[in-house]
Amino acid sequence: MEILEEVKERLETGKNQLLEERTVKELRQMAREKNLSGYSNLRKAELIDLISENCSKEEIRTRERAT
């Protein structure tokens, strides 16, 4: 079970690093495109958590290449 937790943690860290590079405006756009609710008043760290919980690393990378 420890290995699974370690893998999950690494994936989350990787997603968060990709998202940290984005502006708040870009993060809000990502949330809008993903049809997430409640994002408009969130701060950057909260947006990152919301998107990280609802998007795969590949979705985040795809968005990164599109910009």
N, C-alpha and C. Protein backbone atom coordinates (compact mmCIF):
# COMPACT_ATOMS: atom_id res chain seq x y z
N MET A 1 0.82 -1.19 0.00
CA MET A 1 0.00 0.00 0.00
C MET A 1 0.86 1.26 0.00
N GLU A 2 2.03 1.20 0.58
CA GLU A 2 2.92 2.36 0.62
C GLU A 2 3.34 2.79 -0.77
N ILE A 3 3.59 1.84 -1.64
CA ILE A 3 4.03 2.15 -3.00
C ILE A 3 2.93 2.91 -3.74
N LEU A 4 1.70 2.48 -3.59
CA LEU A 4 0.57 3.15 -4.23
C LEU A 4 0.45 4.60 -3.77
N GLU A 5 0.59 4.81 -2.49
CA GLU A 5 0.53 6.17 -1.94
C GLU A 5 1.67 7.03 -2.47
N GLU A 6 2.85 6.45 -2.60
CA GLU A 6 4.00 7.19 -3.12
C GLU A 6 3.78 7.58 -4.58
N VAL A 7 3.23 6.67 -5.36
CA VAL A 7 2.95 6.96 -6.77
C VAL A 7 1.92 8.08 -6.88
N LYS A 8 0.86 8.01 -6.09
CA LYS A 8 -0.17 9.05 -6.10
C LYS A 8 0.43 10.41 -5.73
N GLU A 9 1.29 10.42 -4.73
CA GLU A 9 1.91 11.66 -4.28
C GLU A 9 2.79 12.25 -5.39
N ARG A 10 3.53 11.41 -6.08
CA ARG A 10 4.38 11.89 -7.18
C ARG A 10 3.54 12.47 -8.31
N LEU A 11 2.44 11.82 -8.63
CA LEU A 11 1.56 12.33 -9.68
C LEU A 11 0.99 13.69 -9.30
N GLU A 12 0.54 13.82 -8.06
CA GLU A 12 -0.01 15.09 -7.59
C GLU A 12 1.05 16.18 -7.63
N THR A 13 2.25 15.86 -7.21
CA THR A 13 3.33 16.84 -7.22
C THR A 13 3.62 17.29 -8.64
N GLY A 14 3.65 16.37 -9.57
CA GLY A 14 3.90 16.71 -10.98
C GLY A 14 2.81 17.60 -11.55
N LYS A 15 1.56 17.28 -11.24
CA LYS A 15 0.45 18.11 -11.71
C LYS A 15 0.54 19.50 -11.12
N ASN A 16 0.81 19.56 -9.83
CA ASN A 16 0.88 20.86 -9.16
C ASN A 16 2.01 21.71 -9.73
N GLN A 17 3.13 21.10 -10.05
CA GLN A 17 4.25 21.85 -10.64
C GLN A 17 3.85 22.43 -11.99
N LEU A 18 3.15 21.65 -12.80
CA LEU A 18 2.69 22.16 -14.09
C LEU A 18 1.71 23.32 -13.90
N LEU A 19 0.84 23.19 -12.93
CA LEU A 19 -0.17 24.23 -12.70
C LEU A 19 0.43 25.49 -12.09
N GLU A 20 1.46 25.35 -11.29
CA GLU A 20 2.11 26.51 -10.67
C GLU A 20 2.64 27.49 -11.71
N GLU A 21 2.99 26.97 -12.87
CA GLU A 21 3.53 27.81 -13.94
C GLU A 21 2.46 28.68 -14.60
N ARG A 22 1.22 28.38 -14.38
CA ARG A 22 0.09 29.08 -14.99
C ARG A 22 -0.30 30.31 -14.17
N THR A 23 -0.88 31.28 -14.85
CA THR A 23 -1.42 32.45 -14.16
C THR A 23 -2.81 32.11 -13.62
N VAL A 24 -3.31 32.95 -12.72
CA VAL A 24 -4.65 32.75 -12.18
C VAL A 24 -5.67 32.79 -13.32
N LYS A 25 -5.48 33.69 -14.25
CA LYS A 25 -6.40 33.79 -15.40
C LYS A 25 -6.42 32.48 -16.19
N GLU A 26 -5.26 31.91 -16.43
CA GLU A 26 -5.19 30.64 -17.16
C GLU A 26 -5.82 29.50 -16.36
N LEU A 27 -5.60 29.50 -15.06
CA LEU A 27 -6.20 28.46 -14.21
C LEU A 27 -7.72 28.56 -14.21
N ARG A 28 -8.23 29.78 -14.15
CA ARG A 28 -9.70 29.96 -14.20
C ARG A 28 -10.26 29.50 -15.53
N GLN A 29 -9.52 29.77 -16.60
CA GLN A 29 -9.94 29.30 -17.93
C GLN A 29 -9.98 27.77 -17.97
N MET A 30 -8.99 27.14 -17.39
CA MET A 30 -8.97 25.68 -17.34
C MET A 30 -10.17 25.15 -16.56
N ALA A 31 -10.47 25.78 -15.44
CA ALA A 31 -11.61 25.36 -14.62
C ALA A 31 -12.91 25.53 -15.40
N ARG A 32 -13.02 26.63 -16.12
CA ARG A 32 -14.22 26.90 -16.92
C ARG A 32 -14.37 25.83 -18.00
N GLU A 33 -13.28 25.52 -18.70
CA GLU A 33 -13.31 24.52 -19.77
C GLU A 33 -13.66 23.14 -19.24
N LYS A 34 -13.30 22.87 -18.01
CA LYS A 34 -13.58 21.57 -17.39
C LYS A 34 -14.97 21.56 -16.73
N ASN A 35 -15.68 22.70 -16.82
CA ASN A 35 -17.02 22.84 -16.23
C ASN A 35 -17.02 22.63 -14.72
N LEU A 36 -15.98 23.12 -14.06
CA LEU A 36 -15.92 23.05 -12.61
C LEU A 36 -16.68 24.23 -12.04
N SER A 37 -17.25 24.06 -10.88
CA SER A 37 -18.01 25.16 -10.28
C SER A 37 -17.29 25.71 -9.06
N GLY A 38 -17.58 26.96 -8.75
CA GLY A 38 -17.05 27.59 -7.56
C GLY A 38 -15.62 28.08 -7.67
N TYR A 39 -15.10 28.23 -8.87
CA TYR A 39 -13.70 28.60 -9.04
C TYR A 39 -13.46 30.10 -9.11
N SER A 40 -14.48 30.88 -9.37
CA SER A 40 -14.28 32.30 -9.69
C SER A 40 -13.67 33.13 -8.55
N ASN A 41 -13.89 32.75 -7.32
CA ASN A 41 -13.35 33.51 -6.20
C ASN A 41 -12.17 32.83 -5.50
N LEU A 42 -11.67 31.77 -6.10
CA LEU A 42 -10.57 31.04 -5.48
C LEU A 42 -9.23 31.71 -5.75
N ARG A 43 -8.34 31.56 -4.80
CA ARG A 43 -6.96 32.03 -4.97
C ARG A 43 -6.18 30.98 -5.75
N LYS A 44 -4.97 31.35 -6.17
CA LYS A 44 -4.19 30.47 -7.03
C LYS A 44 -3.99 29.08 -6.43
N ALA A 45 -3.59 29.00 -5.19
CA ALA A 45 -3.35 27.69 -4.56
C ALA A 45 -4.63 26.86 -4.52
N GLU A 46 -5.76 27.50 -4.28
CA GLU A 46 -7.04 26.80 -4.25
C GLU A 46 -7.44 26.33 -5.64
N LEU A 47 -7.19 27.16 -6.65
CA LEU A 47 -7.46 26.77 -8.03
C LEU A 47 -6.62 25.55 -8.42
N ILE A 48 -5.36 25.58 -8.02
CA ILE A 48 -4.47 24.46 -8.32
C ILE A 48 -5.00 23.18 -7.69
N ASP A 49 -5.43 23.25 -6.45
CA ASP A 49 -5.99 22.07 -5.78
C ASP A 49 -7.23 21.57 -6.52
N LEU A 50 -8.13 22.49 -6.88
CA LEU A 50 -9.37 22.13 -7.55
C LEU A 50 -9.08 21.45 -8.89
N ILE A 51 -8.22 22.04 -9.68
CA ILE A 51 -7.91 21.49 -10.99
C ILE A 51 -7.15 20.17 -10.86
N SER A 52 -6.22 20.12 -9.93
CA SER A 52 -5.45 18.90 -9.72
C SER A 52 -6.35 17.73 -9.34
N GLU A 53 -7.37 18.00 -8.55
CA GLU A 53 -8.29 16.95 -8.12
C GLU A 53 -9.20 16.49 -9.25
N ASN A 54 -9.42 17.35 -10.25
CA ASN A 54 -10.41 17.06 -11.28
C ASN A 54 -9.83 16.84 -12.68
N CYS A 55 -8.54 16.94 -12.84
CA CYS A 55 -7.91 16.76 -14.14
C CYS A 55 -6.75 15.79 -14.04
N SER A 56 -6.56 15.04 -15.08
CA SER A 56 -5.40 14.15 -15.12
C SER A 56 -4.17 14.95 -15.52
N LYS A 57 -3.02 14.38 -15.28
CA LYS A 57 -1.78 15.04 -15.66
C LYS A 57 -1.73 15.25 -17.17
N GLU A 58 -2.25 14.30 -17.92
CA GLU A 58 -2.27 14.41 -19.38
C GLU A 58 -3.16 15.57 -19.83
N GLU A 59 -4.30 15.76 -19.18
CA GLU A 59 -5.17 16.90 -19.51
C GLU A 59 -4.45 18.22 -19.26
N ILE A 60 -3.70 18.28 -18.19
CA ILE A 60 -2.96 19.50 -17.84
C ILE A 60 -1.85 19.74 -18.87
N ARG A 61 -1.17 18.69 -19.24
CA ARG A 61 -0.10 18.82 -20.26
C ARG A 61 -0.68 19.23 -21.60
N THR A 62 -1.83 18.67 -21.97
CA THR A 62 -2.48 19.03 -23.23
C THR A 62 -2.80 20.51 -23.24
N ARG A 63 -3.31 21.00 -22.14
CA ARG A 63 -3.63 22.43 -22.01
C ARG A 63 -2.35 23.25 -22.11
N GLU A 64 -1.27 22.75 -21.54
CA GLU A 64 0.01 23.46 -21.57
C GLU A 64 0.51 23.61 -23.01
N ARG A 65 0.36 22.57 -23.81
CA ARG A 65 0.81 22.63 -25.20
C ARG A 65 -0.06 23.55 -26.04
N ALA A 66 -1.33 23.70 -25.66
CA ALA A 66 -2.27 24.52 -26.42
C ALA A 66 -2.01 26.01 -26.26
N THR A 67 -1.35 26.40 -25.18
CA THR A 67 -1.13 27.83 -24.95
C THR A 67 0.20 28.28 -25.48
